[in-house]
Amino acid sequence: MELIRGCRGRDFMHRVKIVSCLLLVLALGGSVQAQGVHFEDGLSWADIQAKAKAENKYIFVDGFTTWCGPCRFMRDNILTQPEAGAFFNDKFISVSVQLDTTARDDRAVRSWYRDAHALMTQYNIRAFPTFLVFSPEGRPLQRIVGSRNTALLFISAVEESFDSTKQYYTKLQQYRDGRRDKDFLRKLALQAVQVYDLDNGREVANAYLAGQTNLFNRGALEVLAKYTESSGDARFSLFVEHAAEIDSVLGAGAAEQHVNETLVRDYVEPAFGGGYEPNWKSIKRQIAGRFPAQAEEATARGKIMYFQMKRMWSSFREAVAAYMQQYGAHASPEEINGFSLAIFKNCSDKKCLTQALEWSKRTFADKDNPYFMETYASLLYRLGNKDDAIAWEQKALDAAGPRTKAHYQETIGKMQRGEKTWD
């Protein structure tokens, strides 16, 4: 199953719809192995560029910070894989760049301070890990943010760097050069969100929205949702006051989901920084002061996020159960899958797992999705229903793309051998 995880800088406003990066700051061991990606050592950024040009190779930059769990996961578990080495080493000059500074930095890291700062500034890097791909001539092509949980999934993402129709920086330059067709602007604005380049993304989004005579169409509403980051934004009221119209285009509950996510970001997340559980009654009162109809649900969502971040799994399960009972119709398949997957990995109680199994089944009721189907199979397996689990994992394999089939086949093998799949 594909997981994309990343850590954000404190000034980064867009909330990624995945588990907080704190969950991944794990004590992962390991070191770069010979069969993995070869990273250059002792070369400056200018040296890297010169070597790439001389050897006619692309440049791959692994931008990480010392405090970022997903960064360490990629370095220790993905970039060390033989298939990663086979893909990268004959095509790329690769360099791993530390983007933060610490008192323990050695001479090699300190020698890169100036270049690392320049890369962060020039490419507006605020989420980690951020991977950059450059042409042999040093032209920026692609930007990939967050971890992937298999080498094949990461390779698949990097391969898009060779396709000019998918290269983020190539398309951004086309925009700078004056390209303004509507579908191009819409796709570029949404891609900017995926690669966490919101400063440029806002500019593109505004150019796209300025050309819309009617905002109640799928393209415009999807862009609006991505770039309405605060309840103080002028366009936020559109989702509050025109929920029925928006739902008729994006699907039932879409407007309310976006409103509640925004309110959680504005009112609930700021209370997560203390060393004690937030005062939920106080938070609900604050939200109700401006948005009384949304106060209860936004607070309920906030509880789920907090208990998951704190790894308080008993409280998390109770919070999810309460939310799903009252507001389950508002949760997206992605959210429900996230709830179910967290319980699969962190709960051994049969009642808890059975609840998650029922939620999980909703996620692919209307459309086969191998990622969601695997979560369902995983829950069956942990509940002891081995044969059914293997059957559903096979369905996930059958529905999967060619790049990910090996992962599902591997999981089937583990299930057949009776091995744990939740570690």
Protein backbone atom coordinates (compact mmCIF):
# COMPACT_ATOMS: atom_id res chain seq x y z
CA MET A 1 0.00 0.00 0.00
CA GLU A 2 1.25 3.44 -0.83
CA LEU A 3 1.79 5.90 1.98
CA ILE A 4 3.03 9.41 1.43
CA ARG A 5 4.38 11.03 4.55
CA GLY A 6 6.19 14.25 5.19
CA CYS A 7 7.11 16.76 7.84
CA ARG A 8 6.27 20.43 7.51
CA GLY A 9 7.98 23.58 8.59
CA ARG A 10 6.18 25.64 11.23
CA ASP A 11 5.10 28.29 8.73
CA PHE A 12 3.59 25.80 6.34
CA MET A 13 -0.16 26.40 6.22
CA HIS A 14 -1.50 23.54 4.16
CA ARG A 15 -2.38 20.49 6.24
CA VAL A 16 -1.53 17.21 4.63
CA LYS A 17 -4.38 14.69 4.96
CA ILE A 18 -2.24 12.07 6.54
CA VAL A 19 -0.86 11.12 9.89
CA SER A 20 1.24 13.76 11.60
CA CYS A 21 4.93 13.45 10.90
CA LEU A 22 5.46 12.93 14.63
CA LEU A 23 4.21 9.37 14.23
CA LEU A 24 7.20 8.53 12.10
CA VAL A 25 10.01 9.84 14.28
CA LEU A 26 10.99 6.29 15.07
CA ALA A 27 14.24 4.71 16.05
CA LEU A 28 14.91 3.26 12.61
CA GLY A 29 18.35 1.78 12.28
CA GLY A 30 20.43 1.13 9.19
CA SER A 31 22.96 2.80 6.96
CA VAL A 32 23.44 3.41 3.26
CA GLN A 33 24.38 0.12 1.70
CA ALA A 34 26.51 -0.40 -1.37
CA GLN A 35 23.61 -1.81 -3.39
CA GLY A 36 21.44 1.26 -2.77
CA VAL A 37 21.61 4.77 -4.17
CA HIS A 38 25.18 6.08 -4.37
CA PHE A 39 25.37 9.60 -2.91
CA GLU A 40 28.34 11.79 -3.80
CA ASP A 41 30.62 12.73 -0.93
CA GLY A 42 32.99 15.68 -0.71
CA LEU A 43 31.58 17.60 -3.69
CA SER A 44 30.02 21.08 -3.61
CA TRP A 45 26.79 21.95 -5.41
CA ALA A 46 28.87 23.47 -8.23
CA ASP A 47 30.89 20.24 -8.43
CA ILE A 48 27.71 18.15 -8.57
CA GLN A 49 26.37 20.25 -11.45
CA ALA A 50 29.65 20.06 -13.34
CA LYS A 51 29.90 16.28 -12.91
CA ALA A 52 26.30 15.75 -14.07
CA LYS A 53 26.91 17.83 -17.19
CA ALA A 54 30.17 16.06 -17.98
CA GLU A 55 28.61 12.60 -17.56
CA ASN A 56 25.27 13.59 -19.12
CA LYS A 57 23.35 12.42 -16.06
CA TYR A 58 20.37 13.86 -14.21
CA ILE A 59 20.83 15.26 -10.70
CA PHE A 60 18.88 13.80 -7.79
CA VAL A 61 18.79 15.85 -4.56
CA ASP A 62 17.58 14.25 -1.32
CA GLY A 63 16.68 17.23 0.89
CA PHE A 64 16.24 16.16 4.51
CA THR A 65 16.34 17.45 8.08
CA THR A 66 17.77 15.70 11.12
CA TRP A 67 14.44 15.81 12.99
CA CYS A 68 12.25 14.41 10.20
CA GLY A 69 11.12 10.79 10.66
CA PRO A 70 9.98 10.23 7.06
CA CYS A 71 13.37 11.54 5.85
CA ARG A 72 15.17 8.95 7.93
CA PHE A 73 12.76 6.25 6.80
CA MET A 74 13.58 7.01 3.17
CA ARG A 75 17.33 7.07 3.75
CA ASP A 76 17.41 3.91 5.87
CA ASN A 77 14.73 1.76 4.25
CA ILE A 78 14.00 2.87 0.68
CA LEU A 79 17.09 4.46 -0.87
CA THR A 80 19.20 1.55 0.42
CA GLN A 81 17.23 -1.01 -1.60
CA PRO A 82 18.97 -2.77 -4.54
CA GLU A 83 16.22 -1.75 -6.97
CA ALA A 84 16.72 1.87 -5.98
CA GLY A 85 20.43 1.60 -6.66
CA ALA A 86 19.81 -0.11 -10.00
CA PHE A 87 17.47 2.70 -11.07
CA PHE A 88 19.35 5.74 -9.81
CA ASN A 89 23.04 4.96 -10.12
CA ASP A 90 23.28 4.80 -13.90
CA LYS A 91 20.97 7.76 -14.53
CA PHE A 92 21.70 10.26 -11.76
CA ILE A 93 24.41 12.07 -9.89
CA SER A 94 22.85 11.91 -6.42
CA VAL A 95 23.50 14.10 -3.41
CA SER A 96 21.97 14.06 0.07
CA VAL A 97 21.63 17.55 1.54
CA GLN A 98 20.90 18.35 5.19
CA LEU A 99 18.59 21.37 5.22
CA ASP A 100 18.64 22.19 8.93
CA THR A 101 21.59 23.02 11.18
CA THR A 102 22.59 21.49 14.50
CA ALA A 103 25.46 21.85 16.96
CA ARG A 104 26.61 18.34 16.01
CA ASP A 105 27.07 19.04 12.29
CA ASP A 106 30.42 17.84 10.99
CA ARG A 107 32.68 19.67 8.56
CA ALA A 108 31.05 18.11 5.47
CA VAL A 109 27.58 19.30 6.54
CA ARG A 110 28.84 22.76 7.45
CA SER A 111 30.53 23.09 4.06
CA TRP A 112 27.08 22.77 2.48
CA TYR A 113 25.33 25.40 4.66
CA ARG A 114 25.42 28.10 1.99
CA ASP A 115 24.29 25.83 -0.84
CA ALA A 116 21.65 24.14 1.33
CA HIS A 117 20.20 27.52 2.33
CA ALA A 118 20.22 28.64 -1.31
CA LEU A 119 18.33 25.50 -2.39
CA MET A 120 15.75 25.93 0.37
CA THR A 121 15.22 29.58 -0.52
CA GLN A 122 15.23 29.26 -4.30
CA TYR A 123 12.85 26.30 -4.30
CA ASN A 124 10.77 27.37 -1.30
CA ILE A 125 11.23 24.09 0.55
CA ARG A 126 9.00 23.90 3.63
CA ALA A 127 8.16 20.20 3.86
CA PHE A 128 10.51 17.27 4.29
CA PRO A 129 11.77 15.19 2.70
CA THR A 130 11.79 17.16 -0.55
CA PHE A 131 13.45 15.53 -3.52
CA LEU A 132 14.54 17.64 -6.50
CA VAL A 133 15.43 16.41 -9.96
CA PHE A 134 17.51 18.48 -12.40
CA SER A 135 18.44 17.91 -16.03
CA PRO A 136 22.10 17.24 -16.90
CA GLU A 137 22.33 20.94 -17.78
CA GLY A 138 21.14 21.90 -14.30
CA ARG A 139 17.59 22.90 -15.23
CA PRO A 140 15.01 22.05 -12.51
CA LEU A 141 12.54 19.43 -13.69
CA GLN A 142 10.67 17.80 -10.87
CA ARG A 143 9.87 18.06 -7.17
CA ILE A 144 8.68 15.15 -5.02
CA VAL A 145 7.68 15.57 -1.39
CA GLY A 146 7.12 12.98 1.31
CA SER A 147 8.11 9.34 1.71
CA ARG A 148 6.87 6.27 -0.14
CA ASN A 149 6.81 2.93 1.61
CA THR A 150 8.41 0.87 -1.17
CA ALA A 151 11.32 1.52 -3.50
CA LEU A 152 9.16 0.72 -6.53
CA LEU A 153 6.60 3.36 -5.58
CA PHE A 154 9.33 5.94 -5.16
CA ILE A 155 10.96 4.98 -8.45
CA SER A 156 7.59 5.34 -10.16
CA ALA A 157 7.29 8.89 -8.81
CA VAL A 158 10.82 9.80 -9.91
CA GLU A 159 10.26 8.35 -13.39
CA GLU A 160 7.81 11.17 -14.05
CA SER A 161 10.85 13.45 -14.12
CA PHE A 162 11.54 12.11 -17.63
CA ASP A 163 8.08 13.12 -18.94
CA SER A 164 7.88 16.80 -19.89
CA THR A 165 4.08 16.76 -19.49
CA LYS A 166 4.52 15.82 -15.81
CA GLN A 167 7.61 17.84 -14.86
CA TYR A 168 6.45 20.42 -12.34
CA TYR A 169 9.17 22.99 -12.98
CA THR A 170 8.84 22.66 -16.76
CA LYS A 171 5.15 23.46 -16.50
CA LEU A 172 5.78 26.26 -14.03
CA GLN A 173 8.18 27.83 -16.54
CA GLN A 174 5.52 27.51 -19.24
CA TYR A 175 3.22 29.47 -16.96
CA ARG A 176 5.93 32.11 -16.45
CA ASP A 177 6.28 32.29 -20.23
CA GLY A 178 2.59 33.13 -20.60
CA ARG A 179 0.69 29.88 -21.01
CA ARG A 180 -2.85 30.39 -19.70
CA ASP A 181 -5.20 27.71 -21.04
CA LYS A 182 -7.66 26.80 -18.32
CA ASP A 183 -7.05 23.05 -18.03
CA PHE A 184 -3.30 23.63 -17.84
CA LEU A 185 -3.73 26.21 -15.04
CA ARG A 186 -6.06 23.94 -13.08
CA LYS A 187 -3.72 20.94 -13.25
CA LEU A 188 -0.67 23.03 -12.39
CA ALA A 189 -2.41 24.60 -9.38
CA LEU A 190 -3.32 21.14 -8.07
CA GLN A 191 0.17 19.78 -8.73
CA ALA A 192 1.64 22.69 -6.76
CA VAL A 193 -0.34 21.44 -3.75
CA GLN A 194 1.01 17.91 -4.20
CA VAL A 195 4.60 19.18 -4.20
CA TYR A 196 3.96 21.77 -1.45
CA ASP A 197 4.89 24.83 -3.48
CA LEU A 198 1.93 26.90 -2.36
CA ASP A 199 3.41 30.33 -2.98
CA ASN A 200 3.63 29.65 -6.70
CA GLY A 201 0.47 27.55 -6.51
CA ARG A 202 -1.62 30.44 -5.18
CA GLU A 203 -0.55 32.62 -8.06
CA VAL A 204 -1.50 29.95 -10.58
CA ALA A 205 -4.76 29.20 -8.78
CA ASN A 206 -5.76 32.87 -8.80
CA ALA A 207 -5.02 33.08 -12.52
CA TYR A 208 -7.21 30.03 -13.10
CA LEU A 209 -10.07 31.23 -10.90
CA ALA A 210 -10.01 34.69 -12.47
CA GLY A 211 -11.02 33.10 -15.76
CA GLN A 212 -14.02 31.27 -14.29
CA THR A 213 -17.44 32.77 -14.91
CA ASN A 214 -19.11 30.17 -12.67
CA LEU A 215 -17.31 28.77 -9.64
CA PHE A 216 -19.76 25.91 -9.15
CA ASN A 217 -18.00 23.43 -11.40
CA ARG A 218 -15.75 20.57 -10.33
CA GLY A 219 -12.49 22.09 -11.50
CA ALA A 220 -13.01 25.45 -9.84
CA LEU A 221 -14.28 23.96 -6.58
CA GLU A 222 -11.38 21.53 -6.31
CA VAL A 223 -8.91 24.39 -6.72
CA LEU A 224 -10.86 26.57 -4.28
CA ALA A 225 -10.84 23.81 -1.67
CA LYS A 226 -7.08 23.35 -1.95
CA TYR A 227 -6.34 27.05 -1.64
CA THR A 228 -8.85 28.06 1.01
CA GLU A 229 -6.49 27.54 3.91
CA SER A 230 -8.14 29.49 6.72
CA SER A 231 -11.61 30.37 7.95
CA GLY A 232 -10.46 33.96 7.54
CA ASP A 233 -10.02 33.57 3.76
CA ALA A 234 -12.54 35.49 1.71
CA ARG A 235 -13.62 32.37 -0.18
CA PHE A 236 -14.23 30.26 2.93
CA SER A 237 -17.80 31.55 3.25
CA LEU A 238 -18.59 29.95 -0.10
CA PHE A 239 -18.27 26.50 1.47
CA VAL A 240 -20.36 27.49 4.49
CA GLU A 241 -23.17 29.30 2.67
CA HIS A 242 -23.43 27.20 -0.50
CA ALA A 243 -22.90 23.70 0.84
CA ALA A 244 -25.81 22.15 -1.10
CA GLU A 245 -24.60 23.56 -4.42
CA ILE A 246 -21.05 22.38 -3.77
CA ASP A 247 -22.20 18.91 -2.70
CA SER A 248 -24.23 18.57 -5.89
CA VAL A 249 -20.95 18.91 -7.81
CA LEU A 250 -18.34 17.28 -5.54
CA GLY A 251 -20.52 14.74 -3.76
CA ALA A 252 -22.47 14.54 -0.51
CA GLY A 253 -20.67 15.99 2.48
CA ALA A 254 -17.80 17.55 0.50
CA ALA A 255 -18.49 21.13 1.58
CA GLU A 256 -18.95 20.26 5.24
CA GLN A 257 -15.81 18.13 5.22
CA HIS A 258 -13.74 21.03 3.91
CA VAL A 259 -15.29 23.45 6.39
CA ASN A 260 -14.55 21.17 9.32
CA GLU A 261 -10.98 20.48 8.21
CA THR A 262 -10.36 24.20 8.00
CA LEU A 263 -11.85 24.84 11.44
CA VAL A 264 -9.73 22.06 12.93
CA ARG A 265 -6.66 23.68 11.44
CA ASP A 266 -7.61 27.12 12.77
CA TYR A 267 -9.02 26.32 16.20
CA VAL A 268 -7.93 22.83 17.25
CA GLU A 269 -4.39 22.22 16.00
CA PRO A 270 -2.96 25.29 17.77
CA ALA A 271 -3.94 23.64 21.08
CA PHE A 272 -1.81 20.55 20.38
CA GLY A 273 1.47 22.10 21.44
CA GLY A 274 1.08 21.91 25.20
CA GLY A 275 2.01 19.02 27.42
CA TYR A 276 -1.60 18.29 28.34
CA GLU A 277 -4.82 17.31 26.59
CA PRO A 278 -6.63 20.28 24.99
CA ASN A 279 -9.70 21.72 26.67
CA TRP A 280 -12.26 20.39 24.22
CA LYS A 281 -15.18 22.32 25.73
CA SER A 282 -13.28 25.56 25.39
CA ILE A 283 -12.36 24.78 21.78
CA LYS A 284 -15.96 23.97 20.93
CA ARG A 285 -17.12 27.27 22.45
CA GLN A 286 -14.57 29.21 20.38
CA ILE A 287 -15.71 27.60 17.15
CA ALA A 288 -19.38 28.04 18.05
CA GLY A 289 -18.80 31.76 18.43
CA ARG A 290 -18.44 32.04 14.64
CA PHE A 291 -19.64 28.74 13.24
CA PRO A 292 -22.18 27.20 15.63
CA ALA A 293 -23.42 24.56 13.19
CA GLN A 294 -19.92 23.15 12.73
CA ALA A 295 -18.56 23.35 16.29
CA GLU A 296 -19.48 19.83 17.41
CA GLU A 297 -18.13 18.01 14.36
CA ALA A 298 -14.93 20.05 14.10
CA THR A 299 -14.17 19.30 17.74
CA ALA A 300 -14.84 15.60 17.20
CA ARG A 301 -12.40 15.60 14.27
CA GLY A 302 -9.84 17.37 16.41
CA LYS A 303 -10.01 14.66 19.06
CA ILE A 304 -9.22 11.99 16.46
CA MET A 305 -6.18 13.90 15.24
CA TYR A 306 -4.89 14.58 18.75
CA PHE A 307 -5.20 11.02 20.05
CA GLN A 308 -3.60 9.63 16.89
CA MET A 309 -0.72 12.08 17.13
CA LYS A 310 -0.20 11.15 20.78
CA ARG A 311 -0.54 7.44 20.01
CA MET A 312 -3.29 7.12 22.61
CA TRP A 313 -4.93 4.26 20.77
CA SER A 314 -7.71 3.44 23.20
CA SER A 315 -8.86 7.07 23.19
CA PHE A 316 -8.34 7.22 19.43
CA ARG A 317 -10.64 4.25 18.86
CA GLU A 318 -13.32 5.77 21.09
CA ALA A 319 -13.04 9.11 19.30
CA VAL A 320 -13.29 7.51 15.87
CA ALA A 321 -16.23 5.34 16.94
CA ALA A 322 -18.10 8.36 18.26
CA TYR A 323 -17.33 10.38 15.12
CA MET A 324 -18.32 7.60 12.73
CA GLN A 325 -21.58 6.99 14.56
CA GLN A 326 -22.64 10.61 14.24
CA TYR A 327 -20.76 11.95 11.22
CA GLY A 328 -19.62 8.89 9.28
CA ALA A 329 -21.42 10.07 6.16
CA HIS A 330 -19.14 13.12 6.07
CA ALA A 331 -15.88 11.17 6.13
CA SER A 332 -14.13 10.57 2.82
CA PRO A 333 -12.95 7.07 1.83
CA GLU A 334 -9.37 8.27 2.35
CA GLU A 335 -10.15 9.39 5.90
CA ILE A 336 -12.00 6.19 6.75
CA ASN A 337 -9.14 4.15 5.39
CA GLY A 338 -6.74 6.16 7.54
CA PHE A 339 -8.83 5.44 10.63
CA SER A 340 -9.04 1.74 9.79
CA LEU A 341 -5.36 1.41 8.98
CA ALA A 342 -4.30 3.08 12.23
CA ILE A 343 -6.45 0.67 14.21
CA PHE A 344 -5.13 -2.34 12.25
CA LYS A 345 -1.57 -1.40 13.11
CA ASN A 346 -2.09 -0.39 16.72
CA CYS A 347 -5.03 -2.31 18.18
CA SER A 348 -5.22 -6.00 18.99
CA ASP A 349 -8.67 -5.95 20.59
CA LYS A 350 -11.22 -7.92 18.56
CA LYS A 351 -14.04 -5.43 19.12
CA CYS A 352 -11.82 -2.58 18.00
CA LEU A 353 -10.68 -4.45 14.86
CA THR A 354 -14.24 -5.53 14.01
CA GLN A 355 -15.42 -1.92 14.12
CA ALA A 356 -12.59 -0.88 11.81
CA LEU A 357 -13.46 -3.74 9.44
CA GLU A 358 -17.00 -2.39 9.04
CA TRP A 359 -15.69 1.11 8.38
CA SER A 360 -13.11 -0.18 5.92
CA LYS A 361 -15.68 -1.98 3.80
CA ARG A 362 -17.32 1.37 2.99
CA THR A 363 -14.20 2.70 1.30
CA PHE A 364 -14.41 0.49 -1.79
CA ALA A 365 -18.16 -0.18 -1.88
CA ASP A 366 -18.61 1.98 -4.98
CA LYS A 367 -15.27 1.42 -6.71
CA ASP A 368 -12.47 -1.10 -6.42
CA ASN A 369 -9.41 0.49 -4.85
CA PRO A 370 -6.49 -1.85 -4.16
CA TYR A 371 -5.12 0.35 -1.37
CA PHE A 372 -8.44 0.34 0.50
CA MET A 373 -9.08 -3.33 -0.25
CA GLU A 374 -5.72 -4.22 1.26
CA THR A 375 -6.65 -2.46 4.50
CA TYR A 376 -9.82 -4.57 4.60
CA ALA A 377 -7.79 -7.73 3.95
CA SER A 378 -5.29 -6.74 6.64
CA LEU A 379 -8.02 -6.33 9.24
CA LEU A 380 -9.48 -9.72 8.32
CA TYR A 381 -6.03 -11.24 8.72
CA ARG A 382 -5.44 -9.72 12.15
CA LEU A 383 -8.87 -10.95 13.22
CA GLY A 384 -7.77 -14.47 12.32
CA ASN A 385 -9.79 -14.85 9.09
CA LYS A 386 -6.75 -15.94 7.09
CA ASP A 387 -8.50 -17.44 4.04
CA ASP A 388 -10.80 -14.45 3.56
CA ALA A 389 -7.87 -12.11 4.06
CA ILE A 390 -5.84 -13.81 1.35
CA ALA A 391 -8.83 -13.75 -1.00
CA TRP A 392 -9.25 -9.99 -0.54
CA GLU A 393 -5.51 -9.39 -0.84
CA GLN A 394 -5.66 -11.25 -4.15
CA LYS A 395 -8.47 -8.94 -5.27
CA ALA A 396 -6.28 -5.98 -4.34
CA LEU A 397 -3.44 -7.52 -6.36
CA ASP A 398 -5.72 -8.01 -9.36
CA ALA A 399 -6.83 -4.37 -9.21
CA ALA A 400 -3.34 -2.95 -8.66
CA GLY A 401 -1.15 -1.30 -11.26
CA PRO A 402 1.96 -3.09 -12.57
CA ARG A 403 4.34 -1.12 -10.34
CA THR A 404 2.66 -2.18 -7.10
CA LYS A 405 1.70 -5.79 -7.82
CA ALA A 406 4.91 -7.08 -6.26
CA HIS A 407 3.96 -5.49 -2.95
CA TYR A 408 0.56 -7.21 -2.82
CA GLN A 409 2.10 -10.53 -3.85
CA GLU A 410 4.62 -10.18 -1.02
CA THR A 411 1.82 -9.54 1.48
CA ILE A 412 -0.07 -12.61 0.25
CA GLY A 413 3.08 -14.64 0.88
CA LYS A 414 3.32 -13.34 4.44
CA MET A 415 -0.32 -14.21 5.07
CA GLN A 416 0.13 -17.71 3.68
CA ARG A 417 3.13 -18.24 5.96
CA GLY A 418 1.26 -16.85 8.97
CA GLU A 419 3.67 -13.95 9.43
CA LYS A 420 2.73 -10.61 10.99
CA THR A 421 1.79 -7.90 8.51
CA TRP A 422 1.27 -5.09 11.00
CA ASP A 423 4.81 -4.46 12.27
